[in-house]
PDB file of N, CA and C in Angstrom:
ATOM      1  N   UNK A   1      79.591 140.617 132.928  1.00  0.00           N
ATOM      2  CA  UNK A   1      79.567 141.849 133.510  1.00  0.00           C
ATOM      3  C   UNK A   1      79.635 141.622 135.174  1.00  0.00           C
ATOM      4  N   UNK A   2      80.377 142.617 135.850  1.00  0.00           N
ATOM      5  CA  UNK A   2      80.581 142.436 137.214  1.00  0.00           C
ATOM      6  C   UNK A   2      79.347 143.273 137.968  1.00  0.00           C
ATOM      7  N   UNK A   3      78.689 142.867 138.760  1.00  0.00           N
ATOM      8  CA  UNK A   3      77.493 143.565 139.450  1.00  0.00           C
ATOM      9  C   UNK A   3      78.148 144.451 140.605  1.00  0.00           C
ATOM     10  N   UNK A   4      77.846 145.463 140.716  1.00  0.00           N
ATOM     11  CA  UNK A   4      78.496 146.439 141.735  1.00  0.00           C
ATOM     12  C   UNK A   4      78.128 146.155 143.077  1.00  0.00           C
ATOM     13  N   UNK A   5      77.004 145.625 143.365  1.00  0.00           N
ATOM     14  CA  UNK A   5      76.563 145.253 144.790  1.00  0.00           C
ATOM     15  C   UNK A   5      77.587 143.957 145.171  1.00  0.00           C
ATOM     16  N   UNK A   6      77.823 143.124 144.051  1.00  0.00           N
ATOM     17  CA  UNK A   6      78.704 141.869 144.426  1.00  0.00           C
ATOM     18  C   UNK A   6      80.123 142.175 144.757  1.00  0.00           C
ATOM     19  N   UNK A   7      80.457 143.336 144.190  1.00  0.00           N
ATOM     20  CA  UNK A   7      82.001 143.796 144.463  1.00  0.00           C
ATOM     21  C   UNK A   7      81.944 144.313 145.835  1.00  0.00           C
ATOM     22  N   UNK A   8      80.891 144.938 146.140  1.00  0.00           N
ATOM     23  CA  UNK A   8      80.878 145.562 147.601  1.00  0.00           C
ATOM     24  C   UNK A   8      80.773 144.434 148.636  1.00  0.00           C
ATOM     25  N   UNK A   9      79.891 143.533 148.339  1.00  0.00           N
ATOM     26  CA  UNK A   9      79.787 142.266 149.357  1.00  0.00           C
ATOM     27  C   UNK A   9      81.070 141.697 149.392  1.00  0.00           C
ATOM     28  N   UNK A  10      81.861 141.373 148.421  1.00  0.00           N
ATOM     29  CA  UNK A  10      82.896 140.624 148.484  1.00  0.00           C
ATOM     30  C   UNK A  10      84.044 141.331 149.099  1.00  0.00           C
ATOM     31  N   UNK A  11      84.149 142.715 149.047  1.00  0.00           N
ATOM     32  CA  UNK A  11      85.275 143.508 149.550  1.00  0.00           C
ATOM     33  C   UNK A  11      84.870 144.239 150.812  1.00  0.00           C
ATOM     34  N   UNK A  12      83.671 143.635 151.490  1.00  0.00           N
ATOM     35  CA  UNK A  12      83.654 144.388 152.812  1.00  0.00           C
ATOM     36  C   UNK A  12      84.739 143.878 153.796  1.00  0.00           C
ATOM     37  N   UNK A  13      85.130 144.864 154.633  1.00  0.00           N
ATOM     38  CA  UNK A  13      86.109 144.956 155.477  1.00  0.00           C
ATOM     39  C   UNK A  13      87.622 144.564 154.766  1.00  0.00           C
ATOM     40  N   UNK A  14      87.526 144.897 153.510  1.00  0.00           N
ATOM     41  CA  UNK A  14      88.895 144.904 152.864  1.00  0.00           C
ATOM     42  C   UNK A  14      89.287 146.335 152.344  1.00  0.00           C
ATOM     43  N   UNK A  15      90.574 146.352 151.768  1.00  0.00           N
ATOM     44  CA  UNK A  15      91.015 147.604 151.155  1.00  0.00           C
ATOM     45  C   UNK A  15      90.494 147.839 149.847  1.00  0.00           C
ATOM     46  N   UNK A  16      89.976 148.969 149.605  1.00  0.00           N
ATOM     47  CA  UNK A  16      89.653 149.342 148.252  1.00  0.00           C
ATOM     48  C   UNK A  16      89.903 150.884 147.900  1.00  0.00           C
ATOM     49  N   UNK A  17      90.082 151.065 146.541  1.00  0.00           N
ATOM     50  CA  UNK A  17      90.280 152.398 146.104  1.00  0.00           C
ATOM     51  C   UNK A  17      89.034 152.893 145.234  1.00  0.00           C
ATOM     52  N   UNK A  18      88.628 154.204 145.568  1.00  0.00           N
ATOM     53  CA  UNK A  18      87.310 154.578 144.933  1.00  0.00           C
ATOM     54  C   UNK A  18      87.879 155.748 144.088  1.00  0.00           C
ATOM     55  N   UNK A  19      87.395 155.587 142.673  1.00  0.00           N
ATOM     56  CA  UNK A  19      87.419 156.770 141.856  1.00  0.00           C
ATOM     57  C   UNK A  19      86.420 157.540 141.871  1.00  0.00           C
ATOM     58  N   UNK A  20      86.379 158.794 142.299  1.00  0.00           N
ATOM     59  CA  UNK A  20      85.035 159.585 142.311  1.00  0.00           C
ATOM     60  C   UNK A  20      84.980 160.597 141.023  1.00  0.00           C
ATOM     61  N   UNK A  21      83.871 161.097 140.834  1.00  0.00           N
ATOM     62  CA  UNK A  21      83.338 161.848 139.717  1.00  0.00           C
ATOM     63  C   UNK A  21      84.333 163.134 139.351  1.00  0.00           C
ATOM     64  N   UNK A  22      84.869 163.593 140.472  1.00  0.00           N
ATOM     65  CA  UNK A  22      85.794 164.771 140.586  1.00  0.00           C
ATOM     66  C   UNK A  22      87.165 164.379 140.339  1.00  0.00           C
ATOM     67  N   UNK A  23      87.481 163.266 139.873  1.00  0.00           N
ATOM     68  CA  UNK A  23      88.711 162.554 139.751  1.00  0.00           C
ATOM     69  C   UNK A  23      89.520 162.433 140.864  1.00  0.00           C
ATOM     70  N   UNK A  24      89.116 162.543 142.100  1.00  0.00           N
ATOM     71  CA  UNK A  24      89.765 162.062 143.421  1.00  0.00           C
ATOM     72  C   UNK A  24      89.763 160.687 143.591  1.00  0.00           C
ATOM     73  N   UNK A  25      90.891 160.002 144.247  1.00  0.00           N
ATOM     74  CA  UNK A  25      90.878 158.725 144.534  1.00  0.00           C
ATOM     75  C   UNK A  25      91.060 158.605 145.900  1.00  0.00           C
ATOM     76  N   UNK A  26      90.178 157.812 146.514  1.00  0.00           N
ATOM     77  CA  UNK A  26      90.301 157.638 148.094  1.00  0.00           C
ATOM     78  C   UNK A  26      90.644 156.177 148.314  1.00  0.00           C
ATOM     79  N   UNK A  27      91.634 155.843 149.072  1.00  0.00           N
ATOM     80  CA  UNK A  27      91.903 154.693 149.460  1.00  0.00           C
ATOM     81  C   UNK A  27      91.397 154.280 150.955  1.00  0.00           C
ATOM     82  N   UNK A  28      90.946 153.254 151.105  1.00  0.00           N
ATOM     83  CA  UNK A  28      90.578 152.862 152.552  1.00  0.00           C
ATOM     84  C   UNK A  28      89.892 151.393 152.783  1.00  0.00           C
ATOM     85  N   UNK A  29      89.539 151.073 153.935  1.00  0.00           N
ATOM     86  CA  UNK A  29      88.983 150.047 154.133  1.00  0.00           C
ATOM     87  C   UNK A  29      87.334 150.056 154.096  1.00  0.00           C
ATOM     88  N   UNK A  30      86.781 149.338 153.265  1.00  0.00           N
ATOM     89  CA  UNK A  30      85.354 149.426 152.962  1.00  0.00           C
ATOM     90  C   UNK A  30      84.438 148.670 154.370  1.00  0.00           C
ATOM     91  N   UNK A  31      84.083 149.409 155.303  1.00  0.00           N
ATOM     92  CA  UNK A  31      83.507 148.912 156.528  1.00  0.00           C
ATOM     93  C   UNK A  31      81.800 148.795 156.410  1.00  0.00           C
ATOM     94  N   UNK A  32      81.275 149.523 155.334  1.00  0.00           N
ATOM     95  CA  UNK A  32      79.917 149.387 155.225  1.00  0.00           C
ATOM     96  C   UNK A  32      79.396 149.820 154.089  1.00  0.00           C
ATOM     97  N   UNK A  33      77.994 149.607 153.507  1.00  0.00           N
ATOM     98  CA  UNK A  33      77.349 150.102 152.361  1.00  0.00           C
ATOM     99  C   UNK A  33      75.835 149.823 152.369  1.00  0.00           C
ATOM    100  N   UNK A  34      75.032 150.670 151.727  1.00  0.00           N
ATOM    101  CA  UNK A  34      73.709 150.409 151.753  1.00  0.00           C
ATOM    102  C   UNK A  34      73.290 150.028 150.093  1.00  0.00           C
ATOM    103  N   UNK A  35      71.752 149.915 149.969  1.00  0.00           N
ATOM    104  CA  UNK A  35      71.246 149.461 148.847  1.00  0.00           C
ATOM    105  C   UNK A  35      71.413 150.626 147.841  1.00  0.00           C
ATOM    106  N   UNK A  36      71.741 151.698 148.313  1.00  0.00           N
ATOM    107  CA  UNK A  36      72.039 152.950 147.220  1.00  0.00           C
ATOM    108  C   UNK A  36      73.643 152.980 146.877  1.00  0.00           C
ATOM    109  N   UNK A  37      74.303 152.125 147.415  1.00  0.00           N
ATOM    110  CA  UNK A  37      75.955 152.145 147.185  1.00  0.00           C
ATOM    111  C   UNK A  37      76.333 153.154 147.934  1.00  0.00           C
ATOM    112  N   UNK A  38      75.777 153.659 148.689  1.00  0.00           N
ATOM    113  CA  UNK A  38      76.585 154.768 149.743  1.00  0.00           C
ATOM    114  C   UNK A  38      77.452 153.844 150.721  1.00  0.00           C
ATOM    115  N   UNK A  39      78.759 154.324 150.663  1.00  0.00           N
ATOM    116  CA  UNK A  39      79.800 153.533 151.319  1.00  0.00           C
ATOM    117  C   UNK A  39      80.355 154.133 152.621  1.00  0.00           C
ATOM    118  N   UNK A  40      80.798 153.297 153.749  1.00  0.00           N
ATOM    119  CA  UNK A  40      81.589 153.908 154.584  1.00  0.00           C
ATOM    120  C   UNK A  40      82.971 153.382 154.502  1.00  0.00           C
ATOM    121  N   UNK A  41      83.867 154.156 154.540  1.00  0.00           N
ATOM    122  CA  UNK A  41      85.373 153.633 154.695  1.00  0.00           C
ATOM    123  C   UNK A  41      86.045 154.066 155.819  1.00  0.00           C
ATOM    124  N   UNK A  42      86.869 153.374 156.371  1.00  0.00           N
ATOM    125  CA  UNK A  42      87.755 153.742 157.444  1.00  0.00           C
ATOM    126  C   UNK A  42      89.281 153.890 157.048  1.00  0.00           C
ATOM    127  N   UNK A  43      90.180 154.517 157.600  1.00  0.00           N
ATOM    128  CA  UNK A  43      91.485 154.851 157.468  1.00  0.00           C
ATOM    129  C   UNK A  43      91.685 155.211 156.054  1.00  0.00           C
ATOM    130  N   UNK A  44      91.029 156.273 155.693  1.00  0.00           N
ATOM    131  CA  UNK A  44      90.989 156.739 154.268  1.00  0.00           C
ATOM    132  C   UNK A  44      92.020 157.810 153.977  1.00  0.00           C
ATOM    133  N   UNK A  45      92.762 157.624 152.941  1.00  0.00           N
ATOM    134  CA  UNK A  45      93.704 158.531 152.401  1.00  0.00           C
ATOM    135  C   UNK A  45      93.223 158.855 151.007  1.00  0.00           C
ATOM    136  N   UNK A  46      93.465 160.269 150.882  1.00  0.00           N
ATOM    137  CA  UNK A  46      93.006 160.988 149.438  1.00  0.00           C
ATOM    138  C   UNK A  46      94.651 160.848 148.604  1.00  0.00           C
ATOM    139  N   UNK A  47      94.388 160.315 147.638  1.00  0.00           N
ATOM    140  CA  UNK A  47      96.027 160.416 147.031  1.00  0.00           C
ATOM    141  C   UNK A  47      95.777 161.399 146.042  1.00  0.00           C
ATOM    142  N   UNK A  48      96.842 162.217 146.231  1.00  0.00           N
ATOM    143  CA  UNK A  48      96.858 163.440 145.320  1.00  0.00           C
ATOM    144  C   UNK A  48      98.109 163.369 144.589  1.00  0.00           C
ATOM    145  N   UNK A  49      98.392 164.521 143.587  1.00  0.00           N
ATOM    146  CA  UNK A  49      99.428 164.369 142.702  1.00  0.00           C
ATOM    147  C   UNK A  49     100.684 164.338 143.342  1.00  0.00           C
ATOM    148  N   UNK A  50     100.892 165.010 144.581  1.00  0.00           N
ATOM    149  CA  UNK A  50     101.971 165.322 145.072  1.00  0.00           C
ATOM    150  C   UNK A  50     102.120 164.520 146.546  1.00  0.00           C
ATOM    151  N   UNK A  51     101.150 164.428 147.246  1.00  0.00           N
ATOM    152  CA  UNK A  51     101.081 163.945 148.765  1.00  0.00           C
ATOM    153  C   UNK A  51      99.857 163.109 148.771  1.00  0.00           C
ATOM    154  N   UNK A  52      99.812 162.481 149.943  1.00  0.00           N
ATOM    155  CA  UNK A  52      98.353 161.927 150.371  1.00  0.00           C
ATOM    156  C   UNK A  52      98.028 162.643 151.586  1.00  0.00           C
ATOM    157  N   UNK A  53      96.489 162.647 151.574  1.00  0.00           N
ATOM    158  CA  UNK A  53      96.117 163.344 153.029  1.00  0.00           C
ATOM    159  C   UNK A  53      95.078 162.433 153.595  1.00  0.00           C
ATOM    160  N   UNK A  54      95.396 162.242 154.943  1.00  0.00           N
ATOM    161  CA  UNK A  54      94.691 161.395 155.728  1.00  0.00           C
ATOM    162  C   UNK A  54      93.289 161.774 155.872  1.00  0.00           C
ATOM    163  N   UNK A  55      92.200 161.136 155.899  1.00  0.00           N
ATOM    164  CA  UNK A  55      90.861 161.701 155.985  1.00  0.00           C
ATOM    165  C   UNK A  55      90.154 161.001 157.163  1.00  0.00           C
ATOM    166  N   UNK A  56      90.663 159.881 157.596  1.00  0.00           N
ATOM    167  CA  UNK A  56      90.043 159.105 158.685  1.00  0.00           C
ATOM    168  C   UNK A  56      88.737 158.199 158.139  1.00  0.00           C
ATOM    169  N   UNK A  57      87.638 158.354 158.829  1.00  0.00           N
ATOM    170  CA  UNK A  57      86.409 157.666 158.415  1.00  0.00           C
ATOM    171  C   UNK A  57      85.609 158.534 157.513  1.00  0.00           C
ATOM    172  N   UNK A  58      85.101 158.109 156.315  1.00  0.00           N
ATOM    173  CA  UNK A  58      84.512 158.886 155.497  1.00  0.00           C
ATOM    174  C   UNK A  58      83.165 158.253 154.860  1.00  0.00           C
ATOM    175  N   UNK A  59      82.241 158.848 154.784  1.00  0.00           N
ATOM    176  CA  UNK A  59      80.988 158.360 154.004  1.00  0.00           C
ATOM    177  C   UNK A  59      80.932 159.014 152.526  1.00  0.00           C
ATOM    178  N   UNK A  60      80.678 158.113 151.514  1.00  0.00           N
ATOM    179  CA  UNK A  60      80.938 158.382 150.206  1.00  0.00           C
ATOM    180  C   UNK A  60      79.454 158.106 149.537  1.00  0.00           C
ATOM    181  N   UNK A  61      78.936 159.069 149.032  1.00  0.00           N
ATOM    182  CA  UNK A  61      77.473 158.995 148.154  1.00  0.00           C
ATOM    183  C   UNK A  61      77.699 157.987 146.930  1.00  0.00           C
ATOM    184  N   UNK A  62      76.998 156.988 146.907  1.00  0.00           N
ATOM    185  CA  UNK A  62      77.157 156.056 145.891  1.00  0.00           C
ATOM    186  C   UNK A  62      77.226 156.632 144.440  1.00  0.00           C
ATOM    187  N   UNK A  63      76.563 157.679 144.124  1.00  0.00           N
ATOM    188  CA  UNK A  63      76.438 158.412 142.853  1.00  0.00           C
ATOM    189  C   UNK A  63      77.533 159.124 142.446  1.00  0.00           C
ATOM    190  N   UNK A  64      78.405 159.338 143.365  1.00  0.00           N
ATOM    191  CA  UNK A  64      79.854 160.103 143.183  1.00  0.00           C
ATOM    192  C   UNK A  64      80.842 159.069 142.798  1.00  0.00           C
ATOM    193  N   UNK A  65      80.528 157.808 143.007  1.00  0.00           N
ATOM    194  CA  UNK A  65      81.641 156.854 142.459  1.00  0.00           C
ATOM    195  C   UNK A  65      81.647 156.371 141.088  1.00  0.00           C
ATOM    196  N   UNK A  66      82.884 156.483 140.585  1.00  0.00           N
ATOM    197  CA  UNK A  66      82.944 156.032 139.147  1.00  0.00           C
ATOM    198  C   UNK A  66      83.371 154.374 138.991  1.00  0.00           C
ATOM    199  N   UNK A  67      84.379 154.011 139.912  1.00  0.00           N
ATOM    200  CA  UNK A  67      85.060 153.001 139.877  1.00  0.00           C
ATOM    201  C   UNK A  67      85.280 152.491 141.223  1.00  0.00           C
ATOM    202  N   UNK A  68      85.256 151.246 141.674  1.00  0.00           N
ATOM    203  CA  UNK A  68      85.663 150.522 142.959  1.00  0.00           C
ATOM    204  C   UNK A  68      86.757 149.489 142.400  1.00  0.00           C
ATOM    205  N   UNK A  69      87.903 149.781 142.881  1.00  0.00           N
ATOM    206  CA  UNK A  69      89.211 148.702 142.691  1.00  0.00           C
ATOM    207  C   UNK A  69      89.451 148.208 143.999  1.00  0.00           C
ATOM    208  N   UNK A  70      89.358 146.743 144.140  1.00  0.00           N
ATOM    209  CA  UNK A  70      89.857 146.050 145.217  1.00  0.00           C
ATOM    210  C   UNK A  70      91.210 146.100 145.229  1.00  0.00           C
ATOM    211  N   UNK A  71      91.961 146.216 146.434  1.00  0.00           N
ATOM    212  CA  UNK A  71      93.185 146.342 146.550  1.00  0.00           C
ATOM    213  C   UNK A  71      93.929 144.880 147.006  1.00  0.00           C
TER     214      UNK A  71
END
């Protein structure tokens, strides 16, 4: 089993994709996280069905994340 905190540690300052509970996908660079798995991402783009939306820097609450995919 892969430990979520280990995934965050190994992918700090790297590109990741987050699948959120509301089925949105955020692509960005993981620049920080805390013990609650809240994450800070830079250069974030929200991947939509027809286009992508640039969001810049985003703070994501850990409880909203379903999956973390290293890029």
